[in-house]
């Protein structure tokens, strides 16, 4: 059986998981090779979750950068995982760090950082940053910033 035959979501009709905990992050192999590590970036500019107190929607722009070792997160499974937060109540900080930890758990990268740029609620935007440690030597790291939007200084 090839690696792609082990994937259960890619190429199939899959319902959105009911919660992030139920979502399955699938992986595909990656051959790192010699030299500086690659940096892979995923951006989710329309991420949503729910406020755990009010149940109102929260919106964020999520940026995930990671240096894969031997596995990549399969992008459809990541999209389904992120979509599962739409009915998940948690604070901004918890959502952001949970996403980073789940990708690390699935892929065991050399390094990962995540930035969550949360849109203002009550006039205050909250930005959350988390990483696994120092970036790998020789890796080119793009800025994590997102363009300014109304309500952000």
N, C-alpha and C. Protein backbone atom coordinates (compact mmCIF):
# COMPACT_ATOMS: atom_id res chain seq x y z
N UNK A 1 0.85 -1.18 0.00
CA UNK A 1 0.00 0.00 0.00
C UNK A 1 0.89 1.24 0.00
N UNK A 2 0.63 2.16 -0.92
CA UNK A 2 1.40 3.40 -0.98
C UNK A 2 0.92 4.37 0.09
N UNK A 3 1.72 5.37 0.32
CA UNK A 3 1.37 6.37 1.33
C UNK A 3 0.05 7.06 1.01
N UNK A 4 -0.16 7.40 -0.26
CA UNK A 4 -1.39 8.10 -0.61
C UNK A 4 -2.61 7.19 -0.47
N UNK A 5 -2.43 5.88 -0.56
CA UNK A 5 -3.56 4.97 -0.34
C UNK A 5 -3.99 4.93 1.12
N UNK A 6 -3.11 5.37 2.02
CA UNK A 6 -3.42 5.40 3.45
C UNK A 6 -4.25 6.64 3.82
N UNK A 7 -4.29 7.62 2.92
CA UNK A 7 -5.04 8.84 3.20
C UNK A 7 -6.53 8.55 3.09
N UNK A 8 -7.29 9.00 4.09
CA UNK A 8 -8.72 8.73 4.10
C UNK A 8 -9.57 9.94 3.70
N UNK A 9 -8.96 11.12 3.64
CA UNK A 9 -9.73 12.34 3.39
C UNK A 9 -9.50 12.93 2.01
N UNK A 10 -8.26 12.89 1.53
CA UNK A 10 -7.93 13.48 0.24
C UNK A 10 -8.64 12.70 -0.86
N UNK A 11 -9.36 13.43 -1.71
CA UNK A 11 -10.07 12.81 -2.81
C UNK A 11 -11.40 12.18 -2.44
N UNK A 12 -11.80 12.35 -1.19
CA UNK A 12 -13.06 11.76 -0.72
C UNK A 12 -13.97 12.86 -0.18
N UNK A 13 -15.25 12.60 -0.22
CA UNK A 13 -16.20 13.52 0.40
C UNK A 13 -16.16 13.25 1.90
N UNK A 14 -15.81 14.27 2.65
CA UNK A 14 -15.62 14.13 4.09
C UNK A 14 -16.42 15.22 4.80
N UNK A 15 -17.19 14.84 5.78
CA UNK A 15 -17.93 15.81 6.58
C UNK A 15 -16.96 16.55 7.51
N UNK A 16 -17.28 17.79 7.80
CA UNK A 16 -16.48 18.55 8.75
C UNK A 16 -16.56 17.88 10.11
N UNK A 17 -15.41 17.65 10.75
CA UNK A 17 -15.43 17.06 12.09
C UNK A 17 -16.24 17.93 13.05
N UNK A 18 -16.90 17.30 14.02
CA UNK A 18 -17.73 18.04 14.97
C UNK A 18 -16.91 18.87 15.94
N UNK A 19 -15.65 18.50 16.14
CA UNK A 19 -14.79 19.24 17.06
C UNK A 19 -13.35 19.08 16.61
N UNK A 20 -12.46 19.99 17.03
CA UNK A 20 -11.05 19.84 16.69
C UNK A 20 -10.46 18.54 17.26
N UNK A 21 -10.96 18.12 18.41
CA UNK A 21 -10.46 16.89 19.02
C UNK A 21 -10.76 15.67 18.15
N UNK A 22 -11.88 15.68 17.44
CA UNK A 22 -12.26 14.56 16.57
C UNK A 22 -11.57 14.61 15.22
N UNK A 23 -11.05 15.76 14.84
CA UNK A 23 -10.41 15.91 13.53
C UNK A 23 -9.13 15.09 13.46
N UNK A 24 -8.88 14.51 12.29
CA UNK A 24 -7.69 13.70 12.06
C UNK A 24 -6.75 14.46 11.15
N UNK A 25 -5.55 14.72 11.62
CA UNK A 25 -4.52 15.33 10.79
C UNK A 25 -3.73 14.20 10.14
N UNK A 26 -3.81 14.12 8.82
CA UNK A 26 -3.09 13.09 8.09
C UNK A 26 -1.76 13.64 7.60
N UNK A 27 -0.80 12.76 7.37
CA UNK A 27 0.53 13.17 6.94
C UNK A 27 0.93 12.44 5.67
N UNK A 28 1.85 13.05 4.96
CA UNK A 28 2.47 12.44 3.79
C UNK A 28 3.98 12.55 3.99
N UNK A 29 4.75 11.64 3.38
CA UNK A 29 6.20 11.67 3.59
C UNK A 29 6.86 12.89 2.94
N UNK A 30 7.98 13.27 3.52
CA UNK A 30 8.77 14.38 3.01
C UNK A 30 10.23 13.98 3.06
N UNK A 31 10.93 14.18 1.96
CA UNK A 31 12.36 13.91 1.91
C UNK A 31 13.08 15.23 2.07
N UNK A 32 13.71 15.37 3.21
CA UNK A 32 14.32 16.66 3.56
C UNK A 32 15.57 16.94 2.74
N UNK A 33 16.41 15.96 2.54
CA UNK A 33 17.64 16.17 1.80
C UNK A 33 18.67 16.94 2.60
N UNK A 34 19.73 17.33 1.92
CA UNK A 34 20.82 18.05 2.56
C UNK A 34 20.60 19.56 2.47
N UNK A 35 21.36 20.29 3.23
CA UNK A 35 21.29 21.74 3.18
C UNK A 35 20.30 22.31 4.17
N UNK A 36 20.00 23.57 3.97
CA UNK A 36 19.09 24.27 4.87
C UNK A 36 17.70 23.65 4.80
N UNK A 37 17.01 23.58 5.93
CA UNK A 37 15.66 23.01 5.92
C UNK A 37 14.66 23.89 5.18
N UNK A 38 13.67 23.24 4.61
CA UNK A 38 12.57 23.96 3.96
C UNK A 38 11.63 24.51 5.03
N UNK A 39 11.02 25.62 4.74
CA UNK A 39 9.97 26.16 5.60
C UNK A 39 8.67 26.09 4.81
N UNK A 40 7.66 25.47 5.40
CA UNK A 40 6.34 25.34 4.79
C UNK A 40 5.39 26.28 5.52
N UNK A 41 4.60 27.03 4.76
CA UNK A 41 3.66 27.98 5.36
C UNK A 41 2.24 27.64 4.95
N UNK A 42 1.36 27.66 5.94
CA UNK A 42 -0.08 27.60 5.71
C UNK A 42 -0.67 28.88 6.28
N UNK A 43 -1.59 29.49 5.55
CA UNK A 43 -2.31 30.64 6.09
C UNK A 43 -3.80 30.37 6.01
N UNK A 44 -4.48 30.78 7.04
CA UNK A 44 -5.94 30.65 7.09
C UNK A 44 -6.49 32.03 7.45
N UNK A 45 -6.79 32.86 6.44
CA UNK A 45 -7.21 34.24 6.72
C UNK A 45 -8.64 34.37 7.20
N UNK A 46 -9.40 33.28 7.19
CA UNK A 46 -10.80 33.36 7.62
C UNK A 46 -11.12 32.33 8.70
N UNK A 47 -10.21 32.16 9.64
CA UNK A 47 -10.39 31.21 10.73
C UNK A 47 -11.49 31.71 11.67
N UNK A 48 -12.34 30.81 12.11
CA UNK A 48 -13.39 31.18 13.08
C UNK A 48 -13.48 30.17 14.19
N UNK A 49 -13.81 30.66 15.35
CA UNK A 49 -14.13 29.83 16.52
C UNK A 49 -15.21 30.57 17.30
N UNK A 50 -15.55 30.05 18.45
CA UNK A 50 -16.58 30.69 19.27
C UNK A 50 -16.01 31.15 20.60
N UNK A 51 -16.48 32.28 21.07
CA UNK A 51 -16.11 32.73 22.41
C UNK A 51 -16.70 31.73 23.40
N UNK A 52 -15.90 31.22 24.34
CA UNK A 52 -16.41 30.22 25.27
C UNK A 52 -17.40 30.79 26.29
N UNK A 53 -17.46 32.11 26.42
CA UNK A 53 -18.35 32.73 27.39
C UNK A 53 -19.67 33.16 26.74
N UNK A 54 -19.57 33.87 25.61
CA UNK A 54 -20.77 34.43 24.99
C UNK A 54 -21.33 33.57 23.85
N UNK A 55 -20.50 32.69 23.29
CA UNK A 55 -20.93 31.90 22.14
C UNK A 55 -20.88 32.67 20.84
N UNK A 56 -20.43 33.92 20.89
CA UNK A 56 -20.32 34.75 19.68
C UNK A 56 -19.10 34.32 18.87
N UNK A 57 -19.15 34.50 17.55
CA UNK A 57 -18.01 34.10 16.72
C UNK A 57 -16.80 35.00 16.92
N UNK A 58 -15.64 34.39 16.85
CA UNK A 58 -14.36 35.09 16.86
C UNK A 58 -13.67 34.79 15.54
N UNK A 59 -12.93 35.76 15.01
CA UNK A 59 -12.30 35.62 13.70
C UNK A 59 -10.81 35.90 13.83
N UNK A 60 -10.02 35.15 13.07
CA UNK A 60 -8.57 35.33 13.11
C UNK A 60 -7.95 35.03 11.75
N UNK A 61 -6.75 35.54 11.59
CA UNK A 61 -5.88 35.19 10.47
C UNK A 61 -4.76 34.35 11.09
N UNK A 62 -4.71 33.08 10.74
CA UNK A 62 -3.74 32.15 11.31
C UNK A 62 -2.61 31.93 10.30
N UNK A 63 -1.37 31.99 10.77
CA UNK A 63 -0.19 31.72 9.95
C UNK A 63 0.62 30.62 10.64
N UNK A 64 0.83 29.52 9.94
CA UNK A 64 1.60 28.39 10.47
C UNK A 64 2.84 28.23 9.58
N UNK A 65 4.02 28.30 10.19
CA UNK A 65 5.28 28.03 9.51
C UNK A 65 5.92 26.83 10.21
N UNK A 66 6.38 25.86 9.41
CA UNK A 66 7.10 24.77 10.03
C UNK A 66 8.19 24.24 9.12
N UNK A 67 9.21 23.65 9.74
CA UNK A 67 10.31 23.01 9.02
C UNK A 67 10.10 21.51 9.14
N UNK A 68 9.57 20.87 8.08
CA UNK A 68 9.30 19.44 8.17
C UNK A 68 10.58 18.62 8.27
N UNK A 69 10.48 17.52 8.97
CA UNK A 69 11.59 16.57 9.05
C UNK A 69 11.33 15.46 8.04
N UNK A 70 10.44 14.53 8.39
CA UNK A 70 10.15 13.43 7.47
C UNK A 70 8.68 13.36 7.08
N UNK A 71 7.86 14.29 7.59
CA UNK A 71 6.42 14.25 7.28
C UNK A 71 5.87 15.65 7.08
N UNK A 72 4.91 15.73 6.15
CA UNK A 72 4.16 16.96 5.90
C UNK A 72 2.73 16.74 6.34
N UNK A 73 2.07 17.79 6.83
CA UNK A 73 0.65 17.67 7.11
C UNK A 73 -0.09 17.77 5.78
N UNK A 74 -1.01 16.86 5.56
CA UNK A 74 -1.79 16.86 4.32
C UNK A 74 -2.78 18.02 4.41
N UNK A 75 -2.82 18.87 3.39
CA UNK A 75 -3.52 20.15 3.49
C UNK A 75 -5.03 20.02 3.64
N UNK A 76 -5.66 19.03 3.01
CA UNK A 76 -7.12 18.90 3.19
C UNK A 76 -7.45 18.54 4.63
N UNK A 77 -6.66 17.66 5.22
CA UNK A 77 -6.93 17.30 6.62
C UNK A 77 -6.71 18.50 7.54
N UNK A 78 -5.73 19.34 7.21
CA UNK A 78 -5.52 20.56 8.00
C UNK A 78 -6.71 21.49 7.85
N UNK A 79 -7.21 21.63 6.62
CA UNK A 79 -8.38 22.49 6.40
C UNK A 79 -9.58 21.99 7.19
N UNK A 80 -9.81 20.69 7.20
CA UNK A 80 -10.93 20.14 7.96
C UNK A 80 -10.74 20.36 9.46
N UNK A 81 -9.51 20.19 9.94
CA UNK A 81 -9.20 20.42 11.35
C UNK A 81 -9.50 21.88 11.71
N UNK A 82 -9.01 22.82 10.90
CA UNK A 82 -9.24 24.23 11.19
C UNK A 82 -10.72 24.59 11.12
N UNK A 83 -11.43 24.00 10.17
CA UNK A 83 -12.87 24.26 10.04
C UNK A 83 -13.63 23.76 11.25
N UNK A 84 -13.14 22.71 11.90
CA UNK A 84 -13.82 22.14 13.07
C UNK A 84 -13.88 23.12 14.24
N UNK A 85 -13.08 24.16 14.22
CA UNK A 85 -13.11 25.16 15.29
C UNK A 85 -14.35 26.05 15.21
N UNK A 86 -15.07 26.03 14.09
CA UNK A 86 -16.23 26.93 13.93
C UNK A 86 -17.29 26.73 15.01
N UNK A 87 -17.37 25.55 15.57
CA UNK A 87 -18.33 25.27 16.64
C UNK A 87 -17.64 25.00 17.97
N UNK A 88 -16.39 25.40 18.06
CA UNK A 88 -15.58 25.12 19.25
C UNK A 88 -15.42 26.39 20.07
N UNK A 89 -15.77 26.31 21.33
CA UNK A 89 -15.63 27.45 22.22
C UNK A 89 -14.32 27.40 22.97
N UNK A 90 -13.46 28.37 22.73
CA UNK A 90 -12.18 28.47 23.45
C UNK A 90 -11.64 29.88 23.28
N UNK A 91 -10.80 30.27 24.21
CA UNK A 91 -10.18 31.58 24.13
C UNK A 91 -9.16 31.60 23.00
N UNK A 92 -8.84 32.79 22.51
CA UNK A 92 -7.92 32.96 21.38
C UNK A 92 -6.60 32.23 21.62
N UNK A 93 -6.05 32.42 22.81
CA UNK A 93 -4.76 31.83 23.13
C UNK A 93 -4.82 30.31 23.06
N UNK A 94 -5.88 29.72 23.61
CA UNK A 94 -6.03 28.26 23.60
C UNK A 94 -6.17 27.72 22.18
N UNK A 95 -6.97 28.36 21.36
CA UNK A 95 -7.14 27.91 19.97
C UNK A 95 -5.81 27.94 19.22
N UNK A 96 -5.10 29.04 19.32
CA UNK A 96 -3.85 29.20 18.58
C UNK A 96 -2.83 28.14 18.98
N UNK A 97 -2.61 27.97 20.27
CA UNK A 97 -1.62 27.02 20.75
C UNK A 97 -2.06 25.58 20.46
N UNK A 98 -3.36 25.29 20.57
CA UNK A 98 -3.86 23.95 20.27
C UNK A 98 -3.56 23.57 18.82
N UNK A 99 -3.75 24.50 17.89
CA UNK A 99 -3.46 24.23 16.50
C UNK A 99 -1.99 23.88 16.33
N UNK A 100 -1.12 24.71 16.88
CA UNK A 100 0.31 24.44 16.77
C UNK A 100 0.70 23.10 17.36
N UNK A 101 0.20 22.79 18.52
CA UNK A 101 0.55 21.51 19.17
C UNK A 101 0.06 20.31 18.38
N UNK A 102 -1.14 20.40 17.80
CA UNK A 102 -1.66 19.28 17.00
C UNK A 102 -0.83 19.04 15.75
N UNK A 103 -0.39 20.11 15.08
CA UNK A 103 0.46 19.94 13.90
C UNK A 103 1.80 19.33 14.30
N UNK A 104 2.36 19.76 15.41
CA UNK A 104 3.61 19.19 15.91
C UNK A 104 3.42 17.71 16.23
N UNK A 105 2.35 17.38 16.90
CA UNK A 105 2.07 15.99 17.26
C UNK A 105 1.97 15.10 16.01
N UNK A 106 1.33 15.62 14.97
CA UNK A 106 1.12 14.83 13.75
C UNK A 106 2.38 14.69 12.91
N UNK A 107 3.17 15.75 12.80
CA UNK A 107 4.27 15.76 11.84
C UNK A 107 5.66 15.63 12.44
N UNK A 108 5.81 15.89 13.74
CA UNK A 108 7.12 15.88 14.41
C UNK A 108 8.15 16.68 13.61
N UNK A 109 7.87 17.98 13.39
CA UNK A 109 8.77 18.79 12.56
C UNK A 109 10.06 19.14 13.30
N UNK A 110 11.00 19.66 12.53
CA UNK A 110 12.22 20.18 13.14
C UNK A 110 11.89 21.40 13.99
N UNK A 111 10.88 22.16 13.54
CA UNK A 111 10.51 23.41 14.20
C UNK A 111 9.16 23.85 13.68
N UNK A 112 8.39 24.55 14.51
CA UNK A 112 7.11 25.12 14.11
C UNK A 112 6.87 26.40 14.88
N UNK A 113 6.26 27.36 14.18
CA UNK A 113 5.75 28.56 14.85
C UNK A 113 4.36 28.82 14.29
N UNK A 114 3.53 29.40 15.13
CA UNK A 114 2.18 29.77 14.71
C UNK A 114 1.90 31.18 15.21
N UNK A 115 1.22 31.94 14.37
CA UNK A 115 0.79 33.29 14.74
C UNK A 115 -0.72 33.37 14.52
N UNK A 116 -1.42 33.78 15.54
CA UNK A 116 -2.86 33.99 15.44
C UNK A 116 -3.15 35.47 15.61
N UNK A 117 -3.62 36.09 14.54
CA UNK A 117 -3.97 37.51 14.56
C UNK A 117 -5.49 37.59 14.67
N UNK A 118 -5.97 37.83 15.89
CA UNK A 118 -7.41 37.82 16.17
C UNK A 118 -7.98 39.21 15.98
N UNK A 119 -9.09 39.26 15.28
CA UNK A 119 -9.76 40.53 15.01
C UNK A 119 -10.33 41.09 16.30
N UNK A 120 -10.45 42.42 16.39
CA UNK A 120 -10.86 43.06 17.64
C UNK A 120 -12.24 42.62 18.13
N UNK A 121 -12.31 42.41 19.43
CA UNK A 121 -13.58 42.27 20.16
C UNK A 121 -13.46 43.24 21.31
N UNK A 122 -14.41 44.12 21.46
CA UNK A 122 -14.31 45.13 22.49
C UNK A 122 -13.21 46.14 22.22
N UNK A 123 -12.83 46.27 20.93
CA UNK A 123 -11.84 47.26 20.55
C UNK A 123 -10.40 46.83 20.70
N UNK A 124 -10.14 45.58 21.13
CA UNK A 124 -8.76 45.15 21.36
C UNK A 124 -8.46 43.90 20.53
N UNK A 125 -7.56 44.02 19.54
CA UNK A 125 -7.13 42.82 18.84
C UNK A 125 -6.15 42.04 19.73
N UNK A 126 -6.18 40.74 19.64
CA UNK A 126 -5.27 39.88 20.41
C UNK A 126 -4.44 39.10 19.41
N UNK A 127 -3.12 39.19 19.52
CA UNK A 127 -2.21 38.43 18.69
C UNK A 127 -1.53 37.39 19.57
N UNK A 128 -1.52 36.15 19.09
CA UNK A 128 -0.95 35.03 19.86
C UNK A 128 0.15 34.38 19.04
N UNK A 129 1.32 34.19 19.65
CA UNK A 129 2.46 33.58 18.98
C UNK A 129 2.96 32.41 19.82
N UNK A 130 3.32 31.31 19.15
CA UNK A 130 3.84 30.13 19.85
C UNK A 130 4.81 29.44 18.92
N UNK A 131 5.89 28.92 19.46
CA UNK A 131 6.82 28.14 18.65
C UNK A 131 7.47 27.06 19.50
N UNK A 132 8.04 26.08 18.83
CA UNK A 132 8.60 24.92 19.52
C UNK A 132 9.99 25.15 20.05
N UNK A 133 10.67 26.18 19.65
CA UNK A 133 12.03 26.46 20.08
C UNK A 133 12.70 27.36 19.07
N UNK A 134 14.03 27.33 19.06
CA UNK A 134 14.79 28.15 18.12
C UNK A 134 14.60 27.61 16.71
N UNK A 135 14.51 28.50 15.72
CA UNK A 135 14.38 28.03 14.35
C UNK A 135 15.65 27.29 13.90
N UNK A 136 15.50 26.38 12.94
CA UNK A 136 16.67 25.64 12.47
C UNK A 136 17.69 26.57 11.80
N UNK A 137 18.95 26.26 12.00
CA UNK A 137 20.02 27.07 11.43
C UNK A 137 19.95 27.02 9.90
N UNK A 138 20.09 28.18 9.30
CA UNK A 138 20.12 28.27 7.85
C UNK A 138 18.76 28.36 7.19
N UNK A 139 17.69 28.25 7.95
CA UNK A 139 16.34 28.32 7.36
C UNK A 139 15.98 29.77 7.08
N UNK A 140 15.34 30.02 5.94
CA UNK A 140 14.84 31.36 5.63
C UNK A 140 13.46 31.49 6.23
N UNK A 141 13.30 32.46 7.11
CA UNK A 141 12.04 32.66 7.80
C UNK A 141 11.37 33.94 7.34
N UNK A 142 10.24 33.81 6.65
CA UNK A 142 9.51 35.02 6.26
C UNK A 142 8.86 35.66 7.48
N UNK A 143 8.53 36.93 7.36
CA UNK A 143 7.80 37.62 8.42
C UNK A 143 6.45 36.95 8.62
N UNK A 144 5.96 36.93 9.87
CA UNK A 144 4.66 36.32 10.14
C UNK A 144 3.53 37.33 10.03
N UNK A 145 3.86 38.61 9.91
CA UNK A 145 2.86 39.66 9.97
C UNK A 145 1.80 39.58 8.89
N UNK A 146 0.67 40.14 9.18
CA UNK A 146 -0.42 40.28 8.22
C UNK A 146 -0.64 41.76 7.99
N UNK A 147 -1.16 42.12 6.81
CA UNK A 147 -1.40 43.54 6.55
C UNK A 147 -2.33 44.16 7.59
N UNK A 148 -2.15 45.41 7.90
CA UNK A 148 -3.05 46.07 8.86
C UNK A 148 -4.49 46.05 8.36
N UNK A 149 -5.39 45.98 9.26
CA UNK A 149 -6.80 46.06 8.92
C UNK A 149 -7.48 47.02 9.87
N UNK A 150 -8.69 47.45 9.51
CA UNK A 150 -9.39 48.44 10.33
C UNK A 150 -9.53 47.93 11.77
N UNK A 151 -9.19 48.72 12.71
CA UNK A 151 -9.28 48.34 14.10
C UNK A 151 -7.92 47.96 14.68
N UNK A 152 -6.91 47.83 13.84
CA UNK A 152 -5.56 47.50 14.30
C UNK A 152 -4.68 48.70 13.99
N UNK A 153 -3.84 49.08 14.95
CA UNK A 153 -3.00 50.27 14.83
C UNK A 153 -2.07 50.32 13.73
